Amino acid sequence: MNWAHHLRKQGEKALQHHRSLLKSAGSTWGFSQKLRRRLYTTVTERTLAHEASAWSENLTQRLGEKSSIQRPFLLNITGAYRTTSTAALQVIAGLMPLHLKFKLESEYVRIARLRQIIVVG
């Protein structure tokens, strides 16, 4: 299995979780924006970032695919129109783009868990 396949599968899994959560709350009642954001960061991002340290070196490819995975969650968190750009949604929600989040997770694993020295530049 390559990393693109893994990311696609994790994205499908996260979207399935997201749809389950949406069923438990209506469009005008239910979870607050703060709670939706917290659910995204604790459940969805962790699901997507699973094993990110193994495949995050190839982050320059398929950046659009990562953004398209994050987009439905951002729309749900912000309540913005579908025509709003993904970059604007990330700023409004105060969330990092997924490729940067994966890179951060990868560096954390290298430093904290693997005790590797990171060379910058």
N, C-alpha and C. Protein backbone atom coordinates (compact mmCIF):
# COMPACT_ATOMS: atom_id res chain seq x y z
N MET A 1 0.85 -1.17 0.00
CA MET A 1 0.00 0.00 0.00
C MET A 1 0.90 1.24 0.00
N ASN A 2 0.62 2.18 -0.89
CA ASN A 2 1.40 3.41 -0.89
C ASN A 2 0.69 4.48 -0.05
N TRP A 3 1.36 5.60 0.14
CA TRP A 3 0.83 6.62 1.03
C TRP A 3 -0.42 7.28 0.48
N ALA A 4 -0.55 7.41 -0.84
CA ALA A 4 -1.74 8.03 -1.44
C ALA A 4 -2.97 7.16 -1.16
N HIS A 5 -2.81 5.86 -1.28
CA HIS A 5 -3.91 4.94 -0.99
C HIS A 5 -4.28 5.02 0.49
N HIS A 6 -3.28 5.07 1.35
CA HIS A 6 -3.51 5.17 2.79
C HIS A 6 -4.27 6.45 3.13
N LEU A 7 -3.83 7.57 2.55
CA LEU A 7 -4.48 8.85 2.81
C LEU A 7 -5.93 8.83 2.33
N ARG A 8 -6.17 8.24 1.17
CA ARG A 8 -7.53 8.15 0.63
C ARG A 8 -8.42 7.33 1.57
N LYS A 9 -7.90 6.20 2.04
CA LYS A 9 -8.68 5.35 2.95
C LYS A 9 -8.96 6.06 4.27
N GLN A 10 -7.95 6.73 4.81
CA GLN A 10 -8.15 7.47 6.05
C GLN A 10 -9.15 8.60 5.85
N GLY A 11 -9.11 9.24 4.69
CA GLY A 11 -10.06 10.31 4.38
C GLY A 11 -11.49 9.79 4.33
N GLU A 12 -11.68 8.62 3.72
CA GLU A 12 -13.00 8.00 3.67
C GLU A 12 -13.49 7.65 5.08
N LYS A 13 -12.59 7.15 5.89
CA LYS A 13 -12.93 6.79 7.26
C LYS A 13 -13.33 8.03 8.07
N ALA A 14 -12.56 9.10 7.91
CA ALA A 14 -12.86 10.34 8.63
C ALA A 14 -14.18 10.94 8.16
N LEU A 15 -14.44 10.87 6.86
CA LEU A 15 -15.70 11.40 6.33
C LEU A 15 -16.89 10.60 6.84
N GLN A 16 -16.70 9.31 7.00
CA GLN A 16 -17.76 8.47 7.55
C GLN A 16 -18.05 8.87 9.00
N HIS A 17 -17.01 9.13 9.79
CA HIS A 17 -17.18 9.60 11.17
C HIS A 17 -17.92 10.93 11.17
N HIS A 18 -17.52 11.81 10.25
CA HIS A 18 -18.12 13.14 10.15
C HIS A 18 -19.61 13.04 9.85
N ARG A 19 -19.98 12.18 8.93
CA ARG A 19 -21.39 12.01 8.59
C ARG A 19 -22.18 11.44 9.76
N SER A 20 -21.58 10.56 10.53
CA SER A 20 -22.24 10.02 11.71
C SER A 20 -22.52 11.12 12.73
N LEU A 21 -21.55 12.01 12.90
CA LEU A 21 -21.74 13.12 13.83
C LEU A 21 -22.82 14.08 13.34
N LEU A 22 -22.87 14.31 12.04
CA LEU A 22 -23.88 15.22 11.49
C LEU A 22 -25.29 14.68 11.68
N LYS A 23 -25.43 13.37 11.67
CA LYS A 23 -26.75 12.77 11.86
C LYS A 23 -27.26 12.99 13.28
N SER A 24 -26.34 13.15 14.23
CA SER A 24 -26.76 13.33 15.62
C SER A 24 -27.10 14.77 15.95
N ALA A 25 -26.91 15.69 15.01
CA ALA A 25 -27.25 17.09 15.24
C ALA A 25 -27.90 17.65 13.98
N GLY A 26 -28.89 18.49 14.17
CA GLY A 26 -29.58 19.11 13.04
C GLY A 26 -28.81 20.30 12.49
N SER A 27 -29.34 20.89 11.42
CA SER A 27 -28.65 22.03 10.80
C SER A 27 -28.80 23.30 11.61
N THR A 28 -29.89 23.44 12.37
CA THR A 28 -30.10 24.65 13.16
C THR A 28 -29.93 24.41 14.66
N TRP A 29 -29.72 23.19 15.06
CA TRP A 29 -29.50 22.89 16.47
C TRP A 29 -28.40 21.84 16.55
N GLY A 30 -27.86 21.65 17.70
CA GLY A 30 -26.84 20.62 17.85
C GLY A 30 -25.55 21.19 18.39
N PHE A 31 -24.44 20.77 17.80
CA PHE A 31 -23.13 21.13 18.31
C PHE A 31 -22.77 22.58 18.00
N SER A 32 -22.14 23.23 18.96
CA SER A 32 -21.67 24.60 18.73
C SER A 32 -20.43 24.57 17.83
N GLN A 33 -20.08 25.73 17.32
CA GLN A 33 -18.91 25.81 16.44
C GLN A 33 -17.65 25.38 17.19
N LYS A 34 -17.55 25.77 18.44
CA LYS A 34 -16.38 25.41 19.25
C LYS A 34 -16.28 23.89 19.41
N LEU A 35 -17.41 23.24 19.65
CA LEU A 35 -17.40 21.79 19.81
C LEU A 35 -17.11 21.08 18.49
N ARG A 36 -17.68 21.58 17.38
CA ARG A 36 -17.39 20.98 16.07
C ARG A 36 -15.90 21.08 15.75
N ARG A 37 -15.29 22.21 16.08
CA ARG A 37 -13.85 22.40 15.84
C ARG A 37 -13.05 21.43 16.70
N ARG A 38 -13.45 21.29 17.96
CA ARG A 38 -12.74 20.38 18.86
C ARG A 38 -12.86 18.93 18.39
N LEU A 39 -14.04 18.54 17.95
CA LEU A 39 -14.22 17.18 17.42
C LEU A 39 -13.35 16.95 16.20
N TYR A 40 -13.27 17.96 15.33
CA TYR A 40 -12.43 17.83 14.14
C TYR A 40 -10.97 17.64 14.53
N THR A 41 -10.47 18.49 15.44
CA THR A 41 -9.05 18.42 15.78
C THR A 41 -8.69 17.17 16.57
N THR A 42 -9.60 16.69 17.40
CA THR A 42 -9.27 15.53 18.23
C THR A 42 -9.56 14.20 17.55
N VAL A 43 -10.60 14.14 16.74
CA VAL A 43 -10.97 12.87 16.12
C VAL A 43 -10.50 12.80 14.67
N THR A 44 -10.93 13.74 13.87
CA THR A 44 -10.68 13.67 12.43
C THR A 44 -9.21 13.86 12.09
N GLU A 45 -8.59 14.91 12.62
CA GLU A 45 -7.17 15.14 12.30
C GLU A 45 -6.31 13.99 12.79
N ARG A 46 -6.64 13.43 13.93
CA ARG A 46 -5.85 12.30 14.45
C ARG A 46 -6.03 11.08 13.55
N THR A 47 -7.24 10.88 13.04
CA THR A 47 -7.48 9.76 12.11
C THR A 47 -6.68 9.95 10.84
N LEU A 48 -6.69 11.16 10.31
CA LEU A 48 -5.98 11.43 9.06
C LEU A 48 -4.46 11.40 9.24
N ALA A 49 -3.99 11.83 10.39
CA ALA A 49 -2.55 11.91 10.62
C ALA A 49 -1.93 10.59 11.08
N HIS A 50 -2.76 9.57 11.20
CA HIS A 50 -2.25 8.26 11.63
C HIS A 50 -1.15 7.80 10.69
N GLU A 51 0.00 7.52 11.23
CA GLU A 51 1.18 7.09 10.48
C GLU A 51 1.69 8.14 9.49
N ALA A 52 1.40 9.40 9.75
CA ALA A 52 1.87 10.48 8.86
C ALA A 52 3.39 10.54 8.80
N SER A 53 4.05 10.15 9.86
CA SER A 53 5.50 10.23 9.87
C SER A 53 6.13 9.29 8.85
N ALA A 54 5.42 8.24 8.49
CA ALA A 54 5.97 7.28 7.53
C ALA A 54 5.90 7.77 6.10
N TRP A 55 4.90 8.58 5.77
CA TRP A 55 4.71 8.97 4.38
C TRP A 55 4.70 10.46 4.15
N SER A 56 5.01 11.27 5.15
CA SER A 56 4.91 12.72 5.01
C SER A 56 6.04 13.35 4.20
N GLU A 57 7.04 12.59 3.83
CA GLU A 57 8.13 13.13 3.03
C GLU A 57 7.67 13.50 1.62
N ASN A 58 6.64 12.87 1.13
CA ASN A 58 6.13 13.13 -0.22
C ASN A 58 4.97 14.11 -0.22
N LEU A 59 5.04 15.13 0.63
CA LEU A 59 3.91 16.03 0.79
C LEU A 59 3.72 17.01 -0.35
N THR A 60 4.70 17.17 -1.21
CA THR A 60 4.54 18.13 -2.29
C THR A 60 3.55 17.63 -3.33
N GLN A 61 3.35 16.35 -3.41
CA GLN A 61 2.40 15.78 -4.35
C GLN A 61 1.03 15.68 -3.70
N ARG A 62 0.01 15.85 -4.50
CA ARG A 62 -1.38 15.68 -4.09
C ARG A 62 -1.81 16.60 -2.95
N LEU A 63 -1.34 17.84 -2.95
CA LEU A 63 -1.78 18.79 -1.92
C LEU A 63 -3.27 19.09 -2.08
N GLY A 64 -3.73 19.11 -3.32
CA GLY A 64 -5.15 19.35 -3.56
C GLY A 64 -6.03 18.27 -2.98
N GLU A 65 -5.53 17.03 -3.00
CA GLU A 65 -6.29 15.91 -2.44
C GLU A 65 -6.45 16.08 -0.94
N LYS A 66 -5.41 16.55 -0.28
CA LYS A 66 -5.49 16.77 1.16
C LYS A 66 -6.48 17.89 1.48
N SER A 67 -6.46 18.94 0.67
CA SER A 67 -7.39 20.04 0.88
C SER A 67 -8.83 19.61 0.65
N SER A 68 -9.04 18.75 -0.33
CA SER A 68 -10.41 18.29 -0.60
C SER A 68 -10.91 17.38 0.52
N ILE A 69 -10.02 16.69 1.20
CA ILE A 69 -10.42 15.87 2.35
C ILE A 69 -10.85 16.78 3.50
N GLN A 70 -10.14 17.87 3.70
CA GLN A 70 -10.39 18.77 4.82
C GLN A 70 -11.62 19.66 4.59
N ARG A 71 -11.95 19.93 3.34
CA ARG A 71 -12.97 20.91 3.00
C ARG A 71 -14.36 20.66 3.63
N PRO A 72 -14.94 19.45 3.57
CA PRO A 72 -16.27 19.27 4.17
C PRO A 72 -16.29 19.56 5.67
N PHE A 73 -15.20 19.25 6.34
CA PHE A 73 -15.12 19.52 7.77
C PHE A 73 -15.07 21.02 8.04
N LEU A 74 -14.29 21.73 7.21
CA LEU A 74 -14.20 23.18 7.36
C LEU A 74 -15.54 23.85 7.09
N LEU A 75 -16.26 23.37 6.10
CA LEU A 75 -17.59 23.93 5.82
C LEU A 75 -18.53 23.71 6.99
N ASN A 76 -18.45 22.55 7.61
CA ASN A 76 -19.29 22.25 8.76
C ASN A 76 -18.92 23.10 9.97
N ILE A 77 -17.64 23.29 10.20
CA ILE A 77 -17.19 24.06 11.35
C ILE A 77 -17.58 25.53 11.21
N THR A 78 -17.35 26.10 10.04
CA THR A 78 -17.57 27.53 9.85
C THR A 78 -19.00 27.88 9.50
N GLY A 79 -19.71 26.97 8.86
CA GLY A 79 -21.06 27.28 8.40
C GLY A 79 -21.06 28.19 7.19
N ALA A 80 -19.93 28.28 6.49
CA ALA A 80 -19.78 29.16 5.34
C ALA A 80 -20.44 28.55 4.10
N TYR A 81 -20.55 29.37 3.07
CA TYR A 81 -21.10 28.89 1.80
C TYR A 81 -20.11 27.96 1.11
N ARG A 82 -20.64 27.09 0.26
CA ARG A 82 -19.79 26.13 -0.46
C ARG A 82 -18.82 26.81 -1.42
N THR A 83 -19.13 28.02 -1.84
CA THR A 83 -18.27 28.72 -2.80
C THR A 83 -17.05 29.36 -2.14
N THR A 84 -16.98 29.35 -0.82
CA THR A 84 -15.83 29.90 -0.10
C THR A 84 -14.61 29.03 -0.37
N SER A 85 -13.48 29.67 -0.62
CA SER A 85 -12.26 28.90 -0.93
C SER A 85 -11.78 28.14 0.31
N THR A 86 -11.07 27.06 0.06
CA THR A 86 -10.56 26.24 1.16
C THR A 86 -9.57 27.01 2.01
N ALA A 87 -8.72 27.81 1.38
CA ALA A 87 -7.75 28.61 2.14
C ALA A 87 -8.46 29.59 3.07
N ALA A 88 -9.52 30.22 2.58
CA ALA A 88 -10.28 31.15 3.42
C ALA A 88 -10.96 30.41 4.58
N LEU A 89 -11.47 29.22 4.30
CA LEU A 89 -12.10 28.42 5.36
C LEU A 89 -11.09 28.05 6.44
N GLN A 90 -9.87 27.73 6.03
CA GLN A 90 -8.83 27.38 7.00
C GLN A 90 -8.51 28.57 7.90
N VAL A 91 -8.47 29.76 7.32
CA VAL A 91 -8.19 30.96 8.11
C VAL A 91 -9.35 31.26 9.05
N ILE A 92 -10.58 31.20 8.55
CA ILE A 92 -11.75 31.48 9.37
C ILE A 92 -11.85 30.50 10.53
N ALA A 93 -11.61 29.23 10.26
CA ALA A 93 -11.70 28.20 11.31
C ALA A 93 -10.48 28.21 12.23
N GLY A 94 -9.40 28.86 11.80
CA GLY A 94 -8.19 28.88 12.62
C GLY A 94 -7.47 27.55 12.63
N LEU A 95 -7.54 26.82 11.51
CA LEU A 95 -6.92 25.50 11.41
C LEU A 95 -5.82 25.51 10.36
N MET A 96 -4.80 24.71 10.60
CA MET A 96 -3.70 24.59 9.65
C MET A 96 -4.11 23.73 8.47
N PRO A 97 -3.52 23.99 7.29
CA PRO A 97 -3.73 23.07 6.17
C PRO A 97 -3.20 21.68 6.54
N LEU A 98 -3.82 20.66 5.99
CA LEU A 98 -3.46 19.29 6.37
C LEU A 98 -2.01 18.94 6.08
N HIS A 99 -1.48 19.42 4.95
CA HIS A 99 -0.09 19.05 4.64
C HIS A 99 0.87 19.63 5.67
N LEU A 100 0.57 20.80 6.22
CA LEU A 100 1.42 21.36 7.28
C LEU A 100 1.22 20.61 8.59
N LYS A 101 0.00 20.22 8.86
CA LYS A 101 -0.28 19.45 10.07
C LYS A 101 0.43 18.10 10.03
N PHE A 102 0.43 17.46 8.85
CA PHE A 102 1.12 16.19 8.70
C PHE A 102 2.63 16.36 8.86
N LYS A 103 3.16 17.43 8.31
CA LYS A 103 4.59 17.70 8.43
C LYS A 103 4.96 17.92 9.90
N LEU A 104 4.14 18.68 10.61
CA LEU A 104 4.37 18.92 12.03
C LEU A 104 4.34 17.62 12.82
N GLU A 105 3.37 16.77 12.52
CA GLU A 105 3.27 15.47 13.19
C GLU A 105 4.49 14.60 12.91
N SER A 106 4.96 14.64 11.67
CA SER A 106 6.13 13.87 11.28
C SER A 106 7.37 14.33 12.04
N GLU A 107 7.54 15.63 12.14
CA GLU A 107 8.70 16.17 12.87
C GLU A 107 8.61 15.83 14.36
N TYR A 108 7.42 15.89 14.91
CA TYR A 108 7.23 15.54 16.31
C TYR A 108 7.63 14.09 16.57
N VAL A 109 7.21 13.20 15.70
CA VAL A 109 7.54 11.78 15.87
C VAL A 109 9.05 11.57 15.77
N ARG A 110 9.67 12.25 14.82
CA ARG A 110 11.12 12.10 14.67
C ARG A 110 11.87 12.59 15.91
N ILE A 111 11.45 13.71 16.46
CA ILE A 111 12.16 14.28 17.61
C ILE A 111 11.82 13.54 18.90
N ALA A 112 10.53 13.42 19.19
CA ALA A 112 10.11 12.90 20.49
C ALA A 112 10.19 11.39 20.60
N ARG A 113 9.79 10.71 19.56
CA ARG A 113 9.71 9.25 19.67
C ARG A 113 10.94 8.54 19.14
N LEU A 114 11.45 9.00 18.03
CA LEU A 114 12.58 8.32 17.41
C LEU A 114 13.92 8.89 17.84
N ARG A 115 13.88 10.05 18.50
CA ARG A 115 15.09 10.72 18.99
C ARG A 115 16.08 11.02 17.86
N GLN A 116 15.55 11.39 16.70
CA GLN A 116 16.41 11.75 15.57
C GLN A 116 16.66 13.25 15.58
N ILE A 117 17.80 13.64 15.11
CA ILE A 117 18.14 15.05 14.99
C ILE A 117 17.57 15.56 13.67
N ILE A 118 16.91 16.70 13.73
CA ILE A 118 16.31 17.29 12.55
C ILE A 118 17.26 18.34 11.99
N VAL A 119 17.59 18.22 10.72
CA VAL A 119 18.45 19.18 10.04
C VAL A 119 17.55 20.13 9.26
N VAL A 120 17.64 21.42 9.56
CA VAL A 120 16.82 22.42 8.88
C VAL A 120 17.61 22.97 7.72
N GLY A 121 16.94 23.05 6.55
CA GLY A 121 17.58 23.67 5.39
C GLY A 121 18.14 22.74 4.47
